Amino acid sequence: MPEARTPAQIEADIVRRREQLAETLDEIGVRMHPKTIIGDAKARVASTVDHTAGRAFAAVNRLVTDVTAGLKGDNGAPRPERILPVALVAVGVVGLLVLSTRRKR
């Protein structure tokens, strides 16, 4: 049979539970405060942007590395037979852009 608790023990339990409840309510108040909610949302957005930017950087870096590797030979020297067509396309695109801006004026 469980021992009977004294009034002092019961009162101590009530005080302890009241303190725990106060702490819990304080935590809920902090979590539900608009500044906390906005701060958490900003942190999630910043994390998502950083992750997306990191992935984009890695993809661009990989593309540049692949293109650069394709324009160089095994010994690291430039390959004119591959560089010349790329240069001609680049000059053509720039020329078309210049012509289209002149026509709009």
Protein backbone atom coordinates (compact mmCIF):
# COMPACT_ATOMS: atom_id res chain seq x y z
CA MET A 1 0.00 0.00 0.00
CA PRO A 2 1.42 3.42 -0.96
CA GLU A 3 2.46 5.68 1.84
CA ALA A 4 0.22 8.61 2.64
CA ARG A 5 1.72 11.92 1.63
CA THR A 6 1.97 14.72 4.06
CA PRO A 7 0.45 18.13 3.39
CA ALA A 8 3.98 19.54 3.02
CA GLN A 9 4.79 16.98 0.28
CA ILE A 10 1.55 17.75 -1.54
CA GLU A 11 2.25 21.48 -1.29
CA ALA A 12 5.82 20.96 -2.59
CA ASP A 13 4.42 18.98 -5.56
CA ILE A 14 1.96 21.78 -6.32
CA VAL A 15 4.73 24.41 -6.20
CA ARG A 16 7.00 22.29 -8.44
CA ARG A 17 4.24 21.69 -11.00
CA ARG A 18 3.28 25.35 -10.94
CA GLU A 19 6.91 26.30 -11.73
CA GLN A 20 7.05 23.73 -14.54
CA LEU A 21 3.80 25.09 -15.97
CA ALA A 22 5.14 28.65 -15.79
CA GLU A 23 8.29 27.60 -17.68
CA THR A 24 6.21 25.82 -20.32
CA LEU A 25 3.97 28.87 -20.77
CA ASP A 26 7.04 31.11 -21.07
CA GLU A 27 8.46 28.83 -23.78
CA ILE A 28 5.16 28.85 -25.66
CA GLY A 29 5.03 32.64 -25.37
CA VAL A 30 8.52 32.98 -26.85
CA ARG A 31 7.81 30.51 -29.66
CA MET A 32 4.51 32.18 -30.58
CA HIS A 33 5.83 35.75 -30.42
CA PRO A 34 5.61 37.38 -33.88
CA LYS A 35 9.30 38.35 -33.84
CA THR A 36 10.28 34.74 -33.17
CA ILE A 37 8.03 33.45 -35.94
CA ILE A 38 9.40 36.05 -38.40
CA GLY A 39 12.98 35.31 -37.35
CA ASP A 40 12.47 31.58 -37.87
CA ALA A 41 10.90 32.19 -41.29
CA LYS A 42 13.80 34.46 -42.31
CA ALA A 43 16.30 31.84 -41.21
CA ARG A 44 14.54 29.13 -43.25
CA VAL A 45 14.44 31.37 -46.34
CA ALA A 46 18.10 32.31 -45.95
CA SER A 47 19.03 28.65 -45.60
CA THR A 48 17.04 27.75 -48.73
CA VAL A 49 18.61 30.59 -50.72
CA ASP A 50 22.11 29.61 -49.57
CA HIS A 51 21.46 25.99 -50.51
CA THR A 52 20.06 26.95 -53.93
CA ALA A 53 22.90 29.39 -54.61
CA GLY A 54 25.43 26.74 -53.62
CA ARG A 55 23.89 24.22 -55.99
CA ALA A 56 23.80 26.80 -58.81
CA PHE A 57 27.45 27.69 -58.20
CA ALA A 58 28.43 24.02 -58.28
CA ALA A 59 26.52 23.47 -61.53
CA VAL A 60 28.09 26.52 -63.22
CA ASN A 61 31.52 25.53 -61.96
CA ARG A 62 31.06 22.01 -63.34
CA LEU A 63 29.91 23.43 -66.71
CA VAL A 64 32.88 25.80 -66.94
CA THR A 65 35.25 22.98 -66.03
CA ASP A 66 33.73 20.71 -68.69
CA VAL A 67 33.87 23.41 -71.38
CA THR A 68 37.43 24.34 -70.44
CA ALA A 69 38.48 20.69 -70.54
CA GLY A 70 36.94 20.36 -74.00
CA LEU A 71 38.93 23.33 -75.29
CA LYS A 72 42.27 21.97 -74.08
CA GLY A 73 44.22 18.98 -75.23
CA ASP A 74 45.55 16.18 -73.05
CA ASN A 75 48.74 18.14 -72.44
CA GLY A 76 46.80 21.26 -71.33
CA ALA A 77 47.54 23.25 -74.47
CA PRO A 78 44.67 25.06 -76.23
CA ARG A 79 43.06 23.24 -79.15
CA PRO A 80 42.55 25.80 -81.96
CA GLU A 81 40.18 23.51 -83.87
CA ARG A 82 37.75 23.75 -80.92
CA ILE A 83 38.42 27.31 -79.77
CA LEU A 84 37.92 28.94 -83.19
CA PRO A 85 34.27 27.84 -83.66
CA VAL A 86 33.38 28.90 -80.12
CA ALA A 87 35.03 32.30 -80.66
CA LEU A 88 33.19 32.77 -83.97
CA VAL A 89 29.84 31.96 -82.35
CA ALA A 90 30.58 34.39 -79.52
CA VAL A 91 31.49 37.16 -81.97
CA GLY A 92 28.33 36.45 -83.97
CA VAL A 93 26.10 36.63 -80.89
CA VAL A 94 27.70 39.89 -79.78
CA GLY A 95 27.30 41.28 -83.30
CA LEU A 96 23.62 40.36 -83.39
CA LEU A 97 23.08 42.01 -80.01
CA VAL A 98 24.79 45.19 -81.19
CA LEU A 99 22.72 45.26 -84.39
CA SER A 100 19.45 44.67 -82.55
CA THR A 101 20.14 47.51 -80.11
CA ARG A 102 21.03 49.88 -82.98
CA ARG A 103 17.78 49.05 -84.82
CA LYS A 104 15.68 49.82 -81.73
CA ARG A 105 17.10 53.35 -81.59
